PDB file of N, CA and C in Angstrom:
ATOM      1  N   MET A   1       0.674  -1.299   0.166  1.00  0.00           N
ATOM      2  CA  MET A   1       0.158   0.258  -0.283  1.00  0.00           C
ATOM      3  C   MET A   1       0.188   0.930   0.183  1.00  0.00           C
ATOM      4  N   THR A   2       2.078   1.156   0.867  1.00  0.00           N
ATOM      5  CA  THR A   2       2.816   2.725   0.804  1.00  0.00           C
ATOM      6  C   THR A   2       3.490   2.824  -0.442  1.00  0.00           C
ATOM      7  N   ILE A   3       4.037   1.456  -1.111  1.00  0.00           N
ATOM      8  CA  ILE A   3       5.129   1.827  -2.253  1.00  0.00           C
ATOM      9  C   ILE A   3       3.950   2.633  -3.780  1.00  0.00           C
ATOM     10  N   PRO A   4       2.923   2.423  -3.562  1.00  0.00           N
ATOM     11  CA  PRO A   4       2.297   2.832  -4.997  1.00  0.00           C
ATOM     12  C   PRO A   4       1.701   4.399  -4.472  1.00  0.00           C
ATOM     13  N   PHE A   5       1.847   4.517  -3.159  1.00  0.00           N
ATOM     14  CA  PHE A   5       1.047   5.911  -2.652  1.00  0.00           C
ATOM     15  C   PHE A   5       2.707   6.867  -2.911  1.00  0.00           C
ATOM     16  N   LEU A   6       3.754   6.189  -2.662  1.00  0.00           N
ATOM     17  CA  LEU A   6       5.288   6.932  -2.960  1.00  0.00           C
ATOM     18  C   LEU A   6       5.269   7.186  -3.883  1.00  0.00           C
ATOM     19  N   ILE A   7       5.072   6.354  -4.672  1.00  0.00           N
ATOM     20  CA  ILE A   7       5.353   6.542  -6.271  1.00  0.00           C
ATOM     21  C   ILE A   7       4.395   7.534  -7.073  1.00  0.00           C
ATOM     22  N   VAL A   8       3.165   7.830  -6.591  1.00  0.00           N
ATOM     23  CA  VAL A   8       2.272   8.649  -7.057  1.00  0.00           C
ATOM     24  C   VAL A   8       3.196  10.260  -6.034  1.00  0.00           C
ATOM     25  N   LEU A   9       3.190   9.908  -4.573  1.00  0.00           N
ATOM     26  CA  LEU A   9       3.861  11.711  -4.031  1.00  0.00           C
ATOM     27  C   LEU A   9       5.182  12.065  -5.230  1.00  0.00           C
ATOM     28  N   LEU A  10       6.214  11.087  -4.998  1.00  0.00           N
ATOM     29  CA  LEU A  10       7.008  11.509  -5.963  1.00  0.00           C
ATOM     30  C   LEU A  10       7.383  12.013  -7.331  1.00  0.00           C
ATOM     31  N   THR A  11       6.018  11.014  -8.204  1.00  0.00           N
ATOM     32  CA  THR A  11       5.612  12.205  -9.114  1.00  0.00           C
ATOM     33  C   THR A  11       5.443  13.506  -9.392  1.00  0.00           C
ATOM     34  N   TYR A  12       4.065  13.544  -7.988  1.00  0.00           N
ATOM     35  CA  TYR A  12       3.858  14.961  -8.564  1.00  0.00           C
ATOM     36  C   TYR A  12       4.767  15.978  -7.942  1.00  0.00           C
ATOM     37  N   LEU A  13       5.549  15.287  -6.721  1.00  0.00           N
ATOM     38  CA  LEU A  13       6.760  16.289  -6.491  1.00  0.00           C
ATOM     39  C   LEU A  13       7.594  16.689  -7.718  1.00  0.00           C
ATOM     40  N   ALA A  14       7.892  15.712  -8.750  1.00  0.00           N
ATOM     41  CA  ALA A  14       8.513  15.916 -10.237  1.00  0.00           C
ATOM     42  C   ALA A  14       8.073  16.737 -10.754  1.00  0.00           C
ATOM     43  N   ILE A  15       6.547  16.459 -10.845  1.00  0.00           N
ATOM     44  CA  ILE A  15       6.127  17.091 -12.076  1.00  0.00           C
ATOM     45  C   ILE A  15       5.929  19.118 -11.603  1.00  0.00           C
ATOM     46  N   GLY A  16       6.046  18.634 -10.010  1.00  0.00           N
ATOM     47  CA  GLY A  16       6.139  20.225  -9.600  1.00  0.00           C
ATOM     48  C   GLY A  16       7.234  20.941  -9.531  1.00  0.00           C
ATOM     49  N   LEU A  17       8.255  20.009  -9.362  1.00  0.00           N
ATOM     50  CA  LEU A  17       9.349  20.677  -9.670  1.00  0.00           C
ATOM     51  C   LEU A  17      10.083  21.096 -11.182  1.00  0.00           C
ATOM     52  N   GLY A  18       9.302  20.092 -11.844  1.00  0.00           N
ATOM     53  CA  GLY A  18       9.456  20.613 -13.574  1.00  0.00           C
ATOM     54  C   GLY A  18       8.684  22.112 -13.811  1.00  0.00           C
ATOM     55  N   ILE A  19       8.171  22.120 -13.044  1.00  0.00           N
ATOM     56  CA  ILE A  19       6.973  23.329 -13.606  1.00  0.00           C
ATOM     57  C   ILE A  19       7.747  24.394 -12.910  1.00  0.00           C
ATOM     58  N   GLY A  20       8.129  24.496 -11.882  1.00  0.00           N
ATOM     59  CA  GLY A  20       9.289  25.313 -11.441  1.00  0.00           C
ATOM     60  C   GLY A  20       9.969  25.692 -11.996  1.00  0.00           C
ATOM     61  N   ILE A  21      11.019  24.661 -12.334  1.00  0.00           N
ATOM     62  CA  ILE A  21      12.091  24.838 -13.245  1.00  0.00           C
ATOM     63  C   ILE A  21      11.592  25.265 -14.652  1.00  0.00           C
ATOM     64  N   LEU A  22      10.875  24.879 -15.383  1.00  0.00           N
ATOM     65  CA  LEU A  22      10.245  25.433 -16.609  1.00  0.00           C
ATOM     66  C   LEU A  22      10.133  26.952 -16.690  1.00  0.00           C
ATOM     67  N   PHE A  23       9.273  27.466 -15.417  1.00  0.00           N
ATOM     68  CA  PHE A  23       8.537  28.933 -15.597  1.00  0.00           C
ATOM     69  C   PHE A  23       9.681  29.635 -14.845  1.00  0.00           C
ATOM     70  N   GLN A  24      10.556  29.396 -13.960  1.00  0.00           N
ATOM     71  CA  GLN A  24      11.364  30.154 -13.636  1.00  0.00           C
ATOM     72  C   GLN A  24      12.583  30.789 -14.963  1.00  0.00           C
ATOM     73  N   PHE A  25      13.324  29.481 -15.018  1.00  0.00           N
ATOM     74  CA  PHE A  25      14.259  29.306 -15.809  1.00  0.00           C
ATOM     75  C   PHE A  25      14.218  29.634 -17.350  1.00  0.00           C
ATOM     76  N   PHE A  26      13.188  28.980 -17.726  1.00  0.00           N
ATOM     77  CA  PHE A  26      13.027  28.982 -19.377  1.00  0.00           C
ATOM     78  C   PHE A  26      12.264  30.101 -19.503  1.00  0.00           C
ATOM     79  N   LEU A  27      10.791  30.402 -19.200  1.00  0.00           N
ATOM     80  CA  LEU A  27       9.963  31.203 -19.125  1.00  0.00           C
ATOM     81  C   LEU A  27      10.336  32.884 -18.888  1.00  0.00           C
ATOM     82  N   ARG A  28      11.019  32.806 -17.756  1.00  0.00           N
ATOM     83  CA  ARG A  28      11.363  33.767 -17.003  1.00  0.00           C
ATOM     84  C   ARG A  28      10.839  34.228 -16.527  1.00  0.00           C
ATOM     85  N   LYS A  29       9.775  33.927 -15.807  1.00  0.00           N
ATOM     86  CA  LYS A  29       8.190  34.532 -15.286  1.00  0.00           C
ATOM     87  C   LYS A  29       8.380  34.724 -13.961  1.00  0.00           C
ATOM     88  N   PRO A  30       8.517  36.275 -13.297  1.00  0.00           N
ATOM     89  CA  PRO A  30       8.753  36.454 -11.922  1.00  0.00           C
ATOM     90  C   PRO A  30       7.572  35.704 -11.615  1.00  0.00           C
ATOM     91  N   PHE A  31       7.906  35.328 -10.045  1.00  0.00           N
ATOM     92  CA  PHE A  31       6.400  34.950  -8.933  1.00  0.00           C
ATOM     93  C   PHE A  31       7.318  34.999  -7.484  1.00  0.00           C
ATOM     94  N   ILE A  32       5.901  34.937  -6.647  1.00  0.00           N
ATOM     95  CA  ILE A  32       6.594  35.160  -5.333  1.00  0.00           C
ATOM     96  C   ILE A  32       7.121  33.874  -4.807  1.00  0.00           C
ATOM     97  N   GLY A  33       8.290  33.704  -4.495  1.00  0.00           N
ATOM     98  CA  GLY A  33       9.057  32.664  -4.030  1.00  0.00           C
ATOM     99  C   GLY A  33       9.836  32.032  -5.153  1.00  0.00           C
ATOM    100  N   GLY A  34       9.704  32.727  -6.296  1.00  0.00           N
ATOM    101  CA  GLY A  34      11.101  31.911  -7.054  1.00  0.00           C
ATOM    102  C   GLY A  34      10.229  30.415  -7.134  1.00  0.00           C
ATOM    103  N   ILE A  35      11.875  29.735  -7.627  1.00  0.00           N
ATOM    104  CA  ILE A  35      11.279  28.326  -8.127  1.00  0.00           C
ATOM    105  C   ILE A  35      10.396  27.790  -7.002  1.00  0.00           C
ATOM    106  N   TRP A  36      10.630  28.016  -5.642  1.00  0.00           N
ATOM    107  CA  TRP A  36       9.886  27.652  -4.904  1.00  0.00           C
ATOM    108  C   TRP A  36       8.365  27.671  -4.807  1.00  0.00           C
ATOM    109  N   GLY A  37       8.180  28.425  -5.695  1.00  0.00           N
ATOM    110  CA  GLY A  37       6.762  29.239  -4.898  1.00  0.00           C
ATOM    111  C   GLY A  37       6.088  28.113  -6.073  1.00  0.00           C
ATOM    112  N   TYR A  38       6.719  28.653  -7.745  1.00  0.00           N
ATOM    113  CA  TYR A  38       6.355  27.438  -8.630  1.00  0.00           C
ATOM    114  C   TYR A  38       6.108  26.019  -8.353  1.00  0.00           C
ATOM    115  N   THR A  39       7.293  25.736  -7.637  1.00  0.00           N
ATOM    116  CA  THR A  39       6.636  24.581  -7.362  1.00  0.00           C
ATOM    117  C   THR A  39       5.699  23.394  -6.429  1.00  0.00           C
ATOM    118  N   VAL A  40       5.533  24.456  -5.104  1.00  0.00           N
ATOM    119  CA  VAL A  40       4.039  24.433  -4.918  1.00  0.00           C
ATOM    120  C   VAL A  40       2.878  24.347  -5.622  1.00  0.00           C
ATOM    121  N   VAL A  41       2.980  25.663  -6.137  1.00  0.00           N
ATOM    122  CA  VAL A  41       1.834  25.768  -6.819  1.00  0.00           C
ATOM    123  C   VAL A  41       1.350  24.509  -8.015  1.00  0.00           C
ATOM    124  N   GLY A  42       2.868  23.985  -8.324  1.00  0.00           N
ATOM    125  CA  GLY A  42       2.862  23.070  -9.426  1.00  0.00           C
ATOM    126  C   GLY A  42       2.557  21.532  -8.499  1.00  0.00           C
ATOM    127  N   VAL A  43       2.641  21.303  -7.288  1.00  0.00           N
ATOM    128  CA  VAL A  43       2.603  19.981  -6.771  1.00  0.00           C
ATOM    129  C   VAL A  43       0.941  20.226  -6.657  1.00  0.00           C
ATOM    130  N   LEU A  44       0.303  21.389  -6.224  1.00  0.00           N
ATOM    131  CA  LEU A  44      -1.148  21.399  -5.791  1.00  0.00           C
ATOM    132  C   LEU A  44      -1.568  21.296  -7.532  1.00  0.00           C
ATOM    133  N   GLY A  45      -1.217  21.900  -8.527  1.00  0.00           N
ATOM    134  CA  GLY A  45      -2.012  21.540  -9.958  1.00  0.00           C
ATOM    135  C   GLY A  45      -1.867  20.027 -10.252  1.00  0.00           C
ATOM    136  N   ALA A  46      -0.428  19.501  -9.680  1.00  0.00           N
ATOM    137  CA  ALA A  46      -0.518  18.093  -9.830  1.00  0.00           C
ATOM    138  C   ALA A  46      -1.456  16.716  -9.071  1.00  0.00           C
ATOM    139  N   ALA A  47      -1.688  17.783  -8.093  1.00  0.00           N
ATOM    140  CA  ALA A  47      -2.949  17.181  -7.175  1.00  0.00           C
ATOM    141  C   ALA A  47      -4.443  16.910  -7.713  1.00  0.00           C
ATOM    142  N   ILE A  48      -4.745  18.368  -7.823  1.00  0.00           N
ATOM    143  CA  ILE A  48      -6.025  18.790  -8.749  1.00  0.00           C
ATOM    144  C   ILE A  48      -6.297  17.590 -10.219  1.00  0.00           C
ATOM    145  N   GLY A  49      -4.872  17.499 -10.796  1.00  0.00           N
ATOM    146  CA  GLY A  49      -5.089  17.132 -11.829  1.00  0.00           C
ATOM    147  C   GLY A  49      -5.036  15.373 -11.252  1.00  0.00           C
ATOM    148  N   GLY A  50      -4.207  15.147 -10.694  1.00  0.00           N
ATOM    149  CA  GLY A  50      -4.623  13.431  -9.833  1.00  0.00           C
ATOM    150  C   GLY A  50      -6.068  12.992  -9.471  1.00  0.00           C
ATOM    151  N   LEU A  51      -6.455  14.112  -8.825  1.00  0.00           N
ATOM    152  CA  LEU A  51      -8.018  13.782  -8.786  1.00  0.00           C
ATOM    153  C   LEU A  51      -8.704  13.601  -9.334  1.00  0.00           C
ATOM    154  N   PHE A  52      -8.991  14.839 -10.084  1.00  0.00           N
ATOM    155  CA  PHE A  52      -9.381  14.926 -11.631  1.00  0.00           C
ATOM    156  C   PHE A  52      -9.318  13.466 -12.435  1.00  0.00           C
ATOM    157  N   ASP A  53      -8.190  12.897 -12.366  1.00  0.00           N
ATOM    158  CA  ASP A  53      -7.857  11.516 -13.116  1.00  0.00           C
ATOM    159  C   ASP A  53      -8.352  10.385 -12.264  1.00  0.00           C
ATOM    160  N   LEU A  54      -8.329  10.378 -11.027  1.00  0.00           N
ATOM    161  CA  LEU A  54      -9.158   9.584 -10.006  1.00  0.00           C
ATOM    162  C   LEU A  54     -11.047   9.438 -10.175  1.00  0.00           C
ATOM    163  N   LEU A  55     -11.026  10.588 -10.652  1.00  0.00           N
ATOM    164  CA  LEU A  55     -12.608  10.763 -10.982  1.00  0.00           C
ATOM    165  C   LEU A  55     -12.935  10.204 -12.275  1.00  0.00           C
ATOM    166  N   MET A  56     -12.305  10.502 -12.934  1.00  0.00           N
ATOM    167  CA  MET A  56     -12.713   9.967 -14.609  1.00  0.00           C
ATOM    168  C   MET A  56     -11.583   8.663 -14.959  1.00  0.00           C
ATOM    169  N   LYS A  57     -11.440   7.740 -14.110  1.00  0.00           N
ATOM    170  CA  LYS A  57     -10.340   6.729 -14.205  1.00  0.00           C
ATOM    171  C   LYS A  57     -11.136   5.672 -15.535  1.00  0.00           C
ATOM    172  N   ASP A  58     -12.354   5.859 -15.358  1.00  0.00           N
ATOM    173  CA  ASP A  58     -12.858   5.127 -16.568  1.00  0.00           C
ATOM    174  C   ASP A  58     -13.109   5.383 -18.075  1.00  0.00           C
ATOM    175  N   HIS A  59     -12.934   6.576 -17.870  1.00  0.00           N
ATOM    176  CA  HIS A  59     -12.658   7.205 -19.727  1.00  0.00           C
ATOM    177  C   HIS A  59     -11.616   7.338 -20.392  1.00  0.00           C
ATOM    178  N   TRP A  60     -10.180   7.312 -19.043  1.00  0.00           N
ATOM    179  CA  TRP A  60      -8.824   7.221 -20.009  1.00  0.00           C
ATOM    180  C   TRP A  60      -7.884   5.968 -19.778  1.00  0.00           C
ATOM    181  N   LYS A  61      -8.583   4.842 -19.986  1.00  0.00           N
ATOM    182  CA  LYS A  61      -7.764   4.016 -19.478  1.00  0.00           C
ATOM    183  C   LYS A  61      -6.327   3.665 -19.953  1.00  0.00           C
ATOM    184  N   TYR A  62      -6.181   4.003 -21.351  1.00  0.00           N
ATOM    185  CA  TYR A  62      -5.336   3.502 -22.107  1.00  0.00           C
ATOM    186  C   TYR A  62      -4.123   4.698 -22.179  1.00  0.00           C
ATOM    187  N   LEU A  63      -4.238   5.791 -21.047  1.00  0.00           N
ATOM    188  CA  LEU A  63      -3.532   7.141 -21.271  1.00  0.00           C
ATOM    189  C   LEU A  63      -2.319   6.615 -21.046  1.00  0.00           C
ATOM    190  N   LEU A  64      -0.894   7.411 -21.044  1.00  0.00           N
ATOM    191  CA  LEU A  64       0.162   7.237 -20.761  1.00  0.00           C
ATOM    192  C   LEU A  64       0.181   6.583 -19.194  1.00  0.00           C
ATOM    193  N   ASN A  65       0.622   5.554 -18.483  1.00  0.00           N
ATOM    194  CA  ASN A  65       0.893   4.801 -17.382  1.00  0.00           C
ATOM    195  C   ASN A  65       2.244   4.820 -16.740  1.00  0.00           C
ATOM    196  N   LEU A  66       2.583   6.160 -15.773  1.00  0.00           N
ATOM    197  CA  LEU A  66       4.027   5.452 -15.571  1.00  0.00           C
ATOM    198  C   LEU A  66       4.293   4.710 -14.654  1.00  0.00           C
ATOM    199  N   PHE A  67       5.054   3.500 -14.832  1.00  0.00           N
ATOM    200  CA  PHE A  67       5.487   2.380 -13.842  1.00  0.00           C
ATOM    201  C   PHE A  67       3.906   1.687 -13.285  1.00  0.00           C
ATOM    202  N   GLY A  68       2.795   1.647 -14.294  1.00  0.00           N
ATOM    203  CA  GLY A  68       1.773   1.082 -14.087  1.00  0.00           C
ATOM    204  C   GLY A  68       0.381   1.667 -12.892  1.00  0.00           C
ATOM    205  N   GLN A  69       1.031   2.734 -12.579  1.00  0.00           N
ATOM    206  CA  GLN A  69       0.669   3.694 -10.984  1.00  0.00           C
ATOM    207  C   GLN A  69       0.012   4.352 -11.612  1.00  0.00           C
ATOM    208  N   VAL A  70       0.949   5.927 -12.440  1.00  0.00           N
ATOM    209  CA  VAL A  70       0.274   7.075 -12.137  1.00  0.00           C
ATOM    210  C   VAL A  70      -0.044   7.452 -13.590  1.00  0.00           C
ATOM    211  N   ASN A  71      -1.146   7.883 -13.900  1.00  0.00           N
ATOM    212  CA  ASN A  71      -1.416   8.354 -15.296  1.00  0.00           C
ATOM    213  C   ASN A  71      -1.060  10.223 -15.092  1.00  0.00           C
ATOM    214  N   ILE A  72       0.666  10.365 -16.116  1.00  0.00           N
ATOM    215  CA  ILE A  72       0.836  11.632 -16.023  1.00  0.00           C
ATOM    216  C   ILE A  72      -0.044  12.972 -16.807  1.00  0.00           C
ATOM    217  N   ILE A  73      -0.509  12.579 -17.459  1.00  0.00           N
ATOM    218  CA  ILE A  73      -0.984  13.541 -18.076  1.00  0.00           C
ATOM    219  C   ILE A  73      -2.042  14.360 -17.295  1.00  0.00           C
ATOM    220  N   PRO A  74      -3.115  13.832 -16.607  1.00  0.00           N
ATOM    221  CA  PRO A  74      -3.873  14.876 -16.041  1.00  0.00           C
ATOM    222  C   PRO A  74      -3.091  15.433 -14.814  1.00  0.00           C
ATOM    223  N   PRO A  75      -2.220  14.923 -14.598  1.00  0.00           N
ATOM    224  CA  PRO A  75      -1.353  15.823 -13.456  1.00  0.00           C
ATOM    225  C   PRO A  75      -0.709  17.024 -13.990  1.00  0.00           C
ATOM    226  N   MET A  76       0.024  16.473 -15.142  1.00  0.00           N
ATOM    227  CA  MET A  76       0.885  17.498 -15.789  1.00  0.00           C
ATOM    228  C   MET A  76       0.293  18.735 -16.516  1.00  0.00           C
ATOM    229  N   THR A  77      -1.103  18.593 -16.844  1.00  0.00           N
ATOM    230  CA  THR A  77      -2.169  19.386 -17.316  1.00  0.00           C
ATOM    231  C   THR A  77      -2.184  20.476 -16.061  1.00  0.00           C
ATOM    232  N   GLY A  78      -2.912  19.868 -15.396  1.00  0.00           N
ATOM    233  CA  GLY A  78      -3.230  20.605 -13.925  1.00  0.00           C
ATOM    234  C   GLY A  78      -2.079  21.671 -13.384  1.00  0.00           C
ATOM    235  N   ALA A  79      -0.609  21.140 -13.590  1.00  0.00           N
ATOM    236  CA  ALA A  79       0.079  22.012 -12.731  1.00  0.00           C
ATOM    237  C   ALA A  79       0.173  22.702 -13.605  1.00  0.00           C
ATOM    238  N   LEU A  80       0.262  22.669 -14.812  1.00  0.00           N
ATOM    239  CA  LEU A  80       0.339  23.696 -16.119  1.00  0.00           C
ATOM    240  C   LEU A  80      -0.385  24.681 -16.060  1.00  0.00           C
ATOM    241  N   ILE A  81      -1.765  24.343 -15.760  1.00  0.00           N
ATOM    242  CA  ILE A  81      -2.712  25.219 -15.744  1.00  0.00           C
ATOM    243  C   ILE A  81      -2.656  26.147 -14.444  1.00  0.00           C
ATOM    244  N   LEU A  82      -2.172  25.218 -13.569  1.00  0.00           N
ATOM    245  CA  LEU A  82      -2.578  26.241 -12.326  1.00  0.00           C
ATOM    246  C   LEU A  82      -1.553  26.765 -12.077  1.00  0.00           C
ATOM    247  N   ALA A  83      -0.052  26.595 -12.551  1.00  0.00           N
ATOM    248  CA  ALA A  83       1.361  27.842 -13.153  1.00  0.00           C
ATOM    249  C   ALA A  83       0.827  28.754 -13.529  1.00  0.00           C
ATOM    250  N   TRP A  84       0.232  28.821 -14.651  1.00  0.00           N
ATOM    251  CA  TRP A  84      -0.076  29.825 -15.679  1.00  0.00           C
ATOM    252  C   TRP A  84      -0.957  30.862 -14.942  1.00  0.00           C
ATOM    253  N   MET A  85      -2.346  29.769 -14.497  1.00  0.00           N
ATOM    254  CA  MET A  85      -3.641  30.955 -14.078  1.00  0.00           C
ATOM    255  C   MET A  85      -2.791  32.115 -12.789  1.00  0.00           C
ATOM    256  N   ALA A  86      -1.732  31.434 -11.771  1.00  0.00           N
ATOM    257  CA  ALA A  86      -1.158  31.805 -11.067  1.00  0.00           C
ATOM    258  C   ALA A  86      -0.073  33.005 -11.048  1.00  0.00           C
ATOM    259  N   GLN A  87       0.684  32.952 -12.370  1.00  0.00           N
ATOM    260  CA  GLN A  87       1.670  33.857 -12.320  1.00  0.00           C
ATOM    261  C   GLN A  87       1.006  35.007 -13.347  1.00  0.00           C
ATOM    262  N   GLY A  88      -0.449  34.880 -13.916  1.00  0.00           N
ATOM    263  CA  GLY A  88      -1.105  35.487 -14.235  1.00  0.00           C
ATOM    264  C   GLY A  88      -1.632  36.819 -13.578  1.00  0.00           C
ATOM    265  N   PHE A  89      -2.214  36.165 -12.330  1.00  0.00           N
ATOM    266  CA  PHE A  89      -2.888  36.571 -11.178  1.00  0.00           C
ATOM    267  C   PHE A  89      -1.481  37.566 -10.853  1.00  0.00           C
ATOM    268  N   TYR A  90      -0.267  37.131 -10.693  1.00  0.00           N
ATOM    269  CA  TYR A  90       0.737  37.803  -9.846  1.00  0.00           C
ATOM    270  C   TYR A  90       1.314  38.780 -10.319  1.00  0.00           C
ATOM    271  N   ASN A  91       1.136  38.861 -11.730  1.00  0.00           N
ATOM    272  CA  ASN A  91       1.796  39.656 -12.647  1.00  0.00           C
ATOM    273  C   ASN A  91       0.577  40.981 -13.378  1.00  0.00           C
ATOM    274  N   ALA A  92      -0.457  40.593 -12.991  1.00  0.00           N
ATOM    275  CA  ALA A  92      -1.532  41.267 -13.614  1.00  0.00           C
ATOM    276  C   ALA A  92      -1.727  42.654 -13.439  1.00  0.00           C
ATOM    277  N   LYS A  93      -1.724  43.539 -14.296  1.00  0.00           N
ATOM    278  CA  LYS A  93      -1.340  44.563 -14.202  1.00  0.00           C
ATOM    279  C   LYS A  93      -2.650  45.509 -13.860  1.00  0.00           C
ATOM    280  N   ASP A  94      -2.271  46.484 -12.438  1.00  0.00           N
ATOM    281  CA  ASP A  94      -3.246  46.918 -11.775  1.00  0.00           C
ATOM    282  C   ASP A  94      -3.685  48.323 -12.970  1.00  0.00           C
ATOM    283  N   ASP A  95      -5.093  48.703 -13.292  1.00  0.00           N
ATOM    284  CA  ASP A  95      -5.269  49.765 -13.965  1.00  0.00           C
ATOM    285  C   ASP A  95      -5.665  50.851 -12.798  1.00  0.00           C
TER     286      ASP A  95
END
C-alpha cells in the first residue's frame, strides 16, 4: 500500500519541480517565492489533476501510465494550468 502512494507522491513532486524550473528559468516569469513558489503551485496543480484522473478513471484507461501506477497527463496538465493562472494573477497590471 505504501509503495504505490510513494510513487504517486514522488511523481507529483517531480512534476511540481519541473513546472518550477520551466516557469522560473526557461520562461523567466517572476513569481512570489521564485522556483519554490512555482513548485508549490505545480504540486497543488498536479494533485488537482490527479484527483480529476481519479474521478474520470473509466474514461481514459489507456493513456500514458508511469510504472503502471500513475497517469501523468492529468497531473501535468493541472500543474501547467494552475501555474499559468497563478503567474497571470501575480503579474496582472492594475489599471
